[in-house]
Amino acid sequence: MREAVSAEERLIATLRVLATGRTYKDLKYIAAISPSLMSTMIPETCAAVYNCLKKYIKMPASEEQWKKVATTFEETWNFPHCRGALDEKHVAINKPPGSGSLYFNYKKFFSVIMFALVDANYRFMYIKTGINGSVSDSTVFESTKFCLGTVPLPGTDSEAPYVFLGDSAFALNKHFMKPYTLKNISHDCRIFNYRLSRARRDPRLQISHSAYTHCRQFGHFRPNNSCVLCSAQLFINIQPFIPTV
């Protein structure tokens, strides 16, 4: 009878899955663990990794903290009234049996969504994974409960709302700014696009391209397991950019 799998063996097997995206059957000889055991062990270990690291992702807890985020955006990137930059990625999955169009996205494939918010120093403030692909980016944004308010614009007495920055996939509204379309835009609009793009162009905002690339390999897993694996993969990749104090 095989001895219980140690914590070290669990972690090694989990890292192999996260690094390669290979099936449990493919890894059974390398890990010396049965596919049936890995099917429960790997998601459990990924959940433990996620639960351990997620406590370091901290949203501003007060209006003063949000104001500090906005001030840093203005001082660093010359973009006032900004409380964060957003991005999302669709991770392709196989269609789950009986799911209909629940996971079918506007890009015409089945997916789950990874969604993140960073501050002006590219520190992650909010991360959400596992949203079914049929949900629009704007709906994901609108379902969050970020703190918003209004204050005068610099150099004027006119009040304006705080905003978040994103790309053209999101819908424009009073709390969300995205670039102008490039066709026949004025010089002022080009300057606006430049400042907006500069404030959100850091590779870390792209939800860690390395993590996203690896997550695309998890499409053959069931959606709930894909979400757990993606969460662990994402947190492992962005860990160096998570504030610990």
Protein backbone atom coordinates (compact mmCIF):
# COMPACT_ATOMS: atom_id res chain seq x y z
CA MET A 1 0.00 0.00 0.00
CA ARG A 2 1.39 3.40 -0.98
CA GLU A 3 2.34 5.81 1.78
CA ALA A 4 0.46 9.09 2.04
CA VAL A 5 1.64 11.74 -0.39
CA SER A 6 3.80 14.26 1.43
CA ALA A 7 3.30 18.01 1.25
CA GLU A 8 6.53 18.28 -0.74
CA GLU A 9 5.34 15.71 -3.30
CA ARG A 10 1.99 17.50 -3.57
CA LEU A 11 3.69 20.81 -4.27
CA ILE A 12 6.13 19.33 -6.81
CA ALA A 13 3.30 17.61 -8.70
CA THR A 14 1.24 20.81 -8.63
CA LEU A 15 4.11 22.92 -9.96
CA ARG A 16 4.61 20.40 -12.77
CA VAL A 17 0.97 20.75 -13.79
CA LEU A 18 1.15 24.55 -13.59
CA ALA A 19 4.41 24.66 -15.55
CA THR A 20 3.39 22.27 -18.33
CA GLY A 21 -0.41 22.19 -18.45
CA ARG A 22 -0.17 18.45 -19.11
CA THR A 23 -2.93 16.05 -18.09
CA TYR A 24 -2.80 14.01 -14.91
CA LYS A 25 -2.48 10.88 -17.03
CA ASP A 26 0.62 12.29 -18.74
CA LEU A 27 2.27 13.04 -15.41
CA LYS A 28 1.41 9.88 -13.50
CA TYR A 29 4.79 8.21 -14.15
CA ILE A 30 6.89 11.31 -13.50
CA ALA A 31 5.03 12.15 -10.29
CA ALA A 32 4.44 8.49 -9.30
CA ILE A 33 0.91 9.48 -8.31
CA SER A 34 -2.28 8.09 -9.80
CA PRO A 35 -4.40 10.38 -12.01
CA SER A 36 -7.42 9.86 -9.75
CA LEU A 37 -5.47 11.08 -6.72
CA MET A 38 -4.00 14.01 -8.64
CA SER A 39 -7.49 15.05 -9.76
CA THR A 40 -8.31 15.92 -6.14
CA MET A 41 -4.82 16.68 -4.83
CA ILE A 42 -3.81 19.27 -7.46
CA PRO A 43 -6.91 21.50 -7.09
CA GLU A 44 -6.60 21.27 -3.29
CA THR A 45 -2.95 22.37 -3.42
CA CYS A 46 -3.74 25.18 -5.87
CA ALA A 47 -6.51 26.37 -3.57
CA ALA A 48 -4.04 26.38 -0.67
CA VAL A 49 -1.55 28.45 -2.71
CA TYR A 50 -4.31 30.89 -3.65
CA ASN A 51 -5.60 31.20 -0.08
CA CYS A 52 -2.08 31.77 1.21
CA LEU A 53 -1.23 34.57 -1.23
CA LYS A 54 -4.58 36.32 -1.70
CA LYS A 55 -4.35 38.01 1.70
CA TYR A 56 -1.56 40.17 0.29
CA ILE A 57 -3.86 41.67 -2.36
CA LYS A 58 -5.32 44.64 -0.53
CA MET A 59 -7.88 47.11 -1.79
CA PRO A 60 -7.83 50.62 -0.30
CA ALA A 61 -10.02 50.46 2.79
CA SER A 62 -10.89 54.14 3.15
CA GLU A 63 -11.57 57.26 1.13
CA GLU A 64 -8.17 58.65 2.15
CA GLN A 65 -6.40 55.57 0.80
CA TRP A 66 -8.28 55.89 -2.50
CA LYS A 67 -7.27 59.57 -2.70
CA LYS A 68 -3.65 58.53 -2.21
CA VAL A 69 -3.96 56.14 -5.17
CA ALA A 70 -5.40 58.94 -7.33
CA THR A 71 -2.71 61.40 -6.21
CA THR A 72 0.04 58.92 -7.13
CA PHE A 73 -1.49 58.42 -10.59
CA GLU A 74 -1.49 62.16 -11.18
CA GLU A 75 2.05 62.69 -9.89
CA THR A 76 3.52 59.67 -11.66
CA TRP A 77 1.60 59.54 -14.94
CA ASN A 78 0.04 63.01 -15.25
CA PHE A 79 -3.42 61.45 -15.25
CA PRO A 80 -5.71 63.03 -12.60
CA HIS A 81 -8.73 61.44 -10.92
CA CYS A 82 -7.57 57.87 -11.64
CA ARG A 83 -8.07 55.15 -9.04
CA GLY A 84 -6.62 52.21 -10.92
CA ALA A 85 -5.90 50.54 -14.24
CA LEU A 86 -7.86 47.45 -15.27
CA ASP A 87 -7.24 44.54 -17.58
CA GLU A 88 -8.83 41.19 -18.31
CA LYS A 89 -7.97 38.01 -20.18
CA HIS A 90 -10.13 35.19 -21.52
CA VAL A 91 -8.65 31.76 -20.76
CA ALA A 92 -9.87 29.21 -23.33
CA ILE A 93 -11.52 26.05 -22.00
CA ASN A 94 -13.29 23.08 -23.53
CA LYS A 95 -17.06 23.45 -23.53
CA PRO A 96 -18.41 21.91 -20.28
CA PRO A 97 -21.20 19.35 -20.87
CA GLY A 98 -24.66 20.87 -20.57
CA SER A 99 -23.36 24.43 -20.20
CA GLY A 100 -24.94 25.77 -23.38
CA SER A 101 -23.55 29.23 -24.15
CA LEU A 102 -22.65 30.06 -20.53
CA TYR A 103 -18.91 30.12 -21.24
CA PHE A 104 -19.10 31.26 -24.89
CA ASN A 105 -17.56 34.72 -25.26
CA TYR A 106 -17.74 37.52 -27.84
CA LYS A 107 -14.47 36.27 -29.34
CA LYS A 108 -16.31 33.08 -30.36
CA PHE A 109 -14.70 30.54 -28.03
CA PHE A 110 -15.41 29.09 -24.59
CA SER A 111 -13.55 30.71 -21.72
CA VAL A 112 -13.27 31.84 -18.12
CA ILE A 113 -12.17 35.39 -17.34
CA MET A 114 -9.19 36.68 -15.36
CA PHE A 115 -9.64 40.27 -14.13
CA ALA A 116 -7.17 42.56 -12.29
CA LEU A 117 -6.76 46.11 -10.98
CA VAL A 118 -3.38 47.79 -10.29
CA ASP A 119 -2.31 51.11 -8.81
CA ALA A 120 0.10 53.68 -10.28
CA ASN A 121 3.08 51.66 -9.05
CA TYR A 122 1.67 48.49 -10.69
CA ARG A 123 0.88 46.85 -7.38
CA PHE A 124 -2.12 44.56 -7.59
CA MET A 125 -5.11 45.81 -5.59
CA TYR A 126 -7.79 43.42 -6.85
CA ILE A 127 -7.87 40.10 -8.69
CA LYS A 128 -10.81 37.95 -9.71
CA THR A 129 -10.77 34.72 -11.71
CA GLY A 130 -13.33 32.18 -12.88
CA ILE A 131 -16.01 34.45 -14.32
CA ASN A 132 -17.83 32.65 -17.13
CA GLY A 133 -16.78 33.88 -20.55
CA SER A 134 -20.22 35.05 -21.70
CA VAL A 135 -20.12 37.92 -19.19
CA SER A 136 -19.02 41.17 -20.84
CA ASP A 137 -15.97 43.05 -19.58
CA SER A 138 -18.19 45.99 -18.66
CA THR A 139 -20.49 43.76 -16.61
CA VAL A 140 -17.49 42.39 -14.72
CA PHE A 141 -16.37 45.94 -13.96
CA GLU A 142 -19.85 47.08 -12.93
CA SER A 143 -20.23 44.10 -10.57
CA THR A 144 -17.27 45.29 -8.46
CA LYS A 145 -17.76 47.62 -5.51
CA PHE A 146 -14.85 49.98 -5.91
CA CYS A 147 -15.01 53.19 -3.91
CA LEU A 148 -15.85 56.17 -6.12
CA GLY A 149 -16.60 59.83 -5.56
CA THR A 150 -16.35 63.30 -7.05
CA VAL A 151 -13.83 66.11 -6.45
CA PRO A 152 -12.87 69.25 -8.42
CA LEU A 153 -10.57 68.77 -11.38
CA PRO A 154 -7.08 70.29 -10.98
CA GLY A 155 -7.17 74.03 -11.71
CA THR A 156 -10.99 74.26 -11.81
CA ASP A 157 -14.00 74.38 -9.52
CA SER A 158 -15.90 71.82 -11.62
CA GLU A 159 -16.45 68.48 -9.92
CA ALA A 160 -15.73 65.29 -11.86
CA PRO A 161 -15.93 61.60 -10.92
CA TYR A 162 -12.95 59.41 -10.18
CA VAL A 163 -12.26 56.95 -12.99
CA PHE A 164 -10.54 53.68 -13.82
CA LEU A 165 -8.50 53.11 -16.98
CA GLY A 166 -8.84 50.26 -19.46
CA ASP A 167 -8.82 49.30 -23.12
CA SER A 168 -11.46 49.37 -25.83
CA ALA A 169 -13.02 46.08 -24.67
CA PHE A 170 -14.73 47.95 -21.83
CA ALA A 171 -17.72 50.25 -22.23
CA LEU A 172 -17.15 53.97 -21.73
CA ASN A 173 -19.00 55.49 -18.77
CA LYS A 174 -18.52 58.25 -16.20
CA HIS A 175 -16.33 56.00 -14.04
CA PHE A 176 -14.33 54.35 -16.82
CA MET A 177 -11.98 55.87 -19.39
CA LYS A 178 -10.64 54.16 -22.50
CA PRO A 179 -8.70 55.41 -25.55
CA TYR A 180 -10.32 57.26 -28.43
CA THR A 181 -10.54 55.25 -31.63
CA LEU A 182 -7.56 56.07 -33.84
CA LYS A 183 -9.55 57.09 -36.91
CA ASN A 184 -9.52 60.85 -37.59
CA ILE A 185 -8.79 61.98 -34.03
CA SER A 186 -7.47 65.39 -33.04
CA HIS A 187 -4.07 66.22 -31.59
CA ASP A 188 -5.62 66.63 -28.12
CA CYS A 189 -7.23 63.19 -28.39
CA ARG A 190 -3.87 61.68 -29.33
CA ILE A 191 -2.30 63.26 -26.25
CA PHE A 192 -5.12 61.82 -24.13
CA ASN A 193 -4.56 58.36 -25.65
CA TYR A 194 -0.84 58.62 -24.97
CA ARG A 195 -1.33 59.53 -21.32
CA LEU A 196 -3.93 56.84 -20.78
CA SER A 197 -1.83 54.17 -22.47
CA ARG A 198 1.28 55.22 -20.56
CA ALA A 199 -0.59 54.91 -17.26
CA ARG A 200 -1.55 51.29 -17.97
CA ARG A 201 1.11 49.89 -20.30
CA ASP A 202 3.38 48.09 -17.78
CA PRO A 203 3.66 44.34 -18.54
CA ARG A 204 2.52 43.51 -15.03
CA LEU A 205 -0.87 45.05 -15.79
CA GLN A 206 -1.33 42.54 -18.57
CA ILE A 207 -2.18 40.09 -15.78
CA SER A 208 1.27 38.59 -16.10
CA HIS A 209 1.57 37.43 -19.70
CA SER A 210 3.54 34.41 -18.56
CA ALA A 211 0.73 33.35 -16.23
CA TYR A 212 -1.88 33.89 -18.94
CA THR A 213 0.15 31.85 -21.45
CA HIS A 214 0.35 28.95 -19.03
CA CYS A 215 -3.34 29.23 -18.10
CA ARG A 216 -4.30 28.62 -21.73
CA GLN A 217 -2.98 25.09 -21.24
CA PHE A 218 -5.64 24.31 -18.63
CA GLY A 219 -8.54 24.24 -21.10
CA HIS A 220 -8.87 20.47 -20.93
CA PHE A 221 -9.71 20.60 -17.21
CA ARG A 222 -13.24 21.11 -15.91
CA PRO A 223 -14.12 24.82 -15.47
CA ASN A 224 -14.01 24.76 -11.67
CA ASN A 225 -10.59 23.10 -11.71
CA SER A 226 -9.36 25.39 -14.50
CA CYS A 227 -10.31 28.37 -12.34
CA VAL A 228 -8.43 27.02 -9.32
CA LEU A 229 -5.34 26.25 -11.40
CA CYS A 230 -5.47 29.67 -13.09
CA SER A 231 -5.76 31.41 -9.72
CA ALA A 232 -2.71 29.61 -8.35
CA GLN A 233 -0.74 30.18 -11.58
CA LEU A 234 -1.59 33.87 -11.55
CA PHE A 235 -0.66 34.42 -7.92
CA ILE A 236 2.63 32.52 -8.27
CA ASN A 237 3.61 34.65 -11.29
CA ILE A 238 2.66 38.01 -9.78
CA GLN A 239 3.94 37.24 -6.28
CA PRO A 240 7.04 39.48 -6.71
CA PHE A 241 4.70 42.41 -7.45
CA ILE A 242 2.42 41.91 -4.43
CA PRO A 243 3.06 44.36 -1.57
CA THR A 244 3.74 42.45 1.66
CA VAL A 245 3.50 45.38 4.04
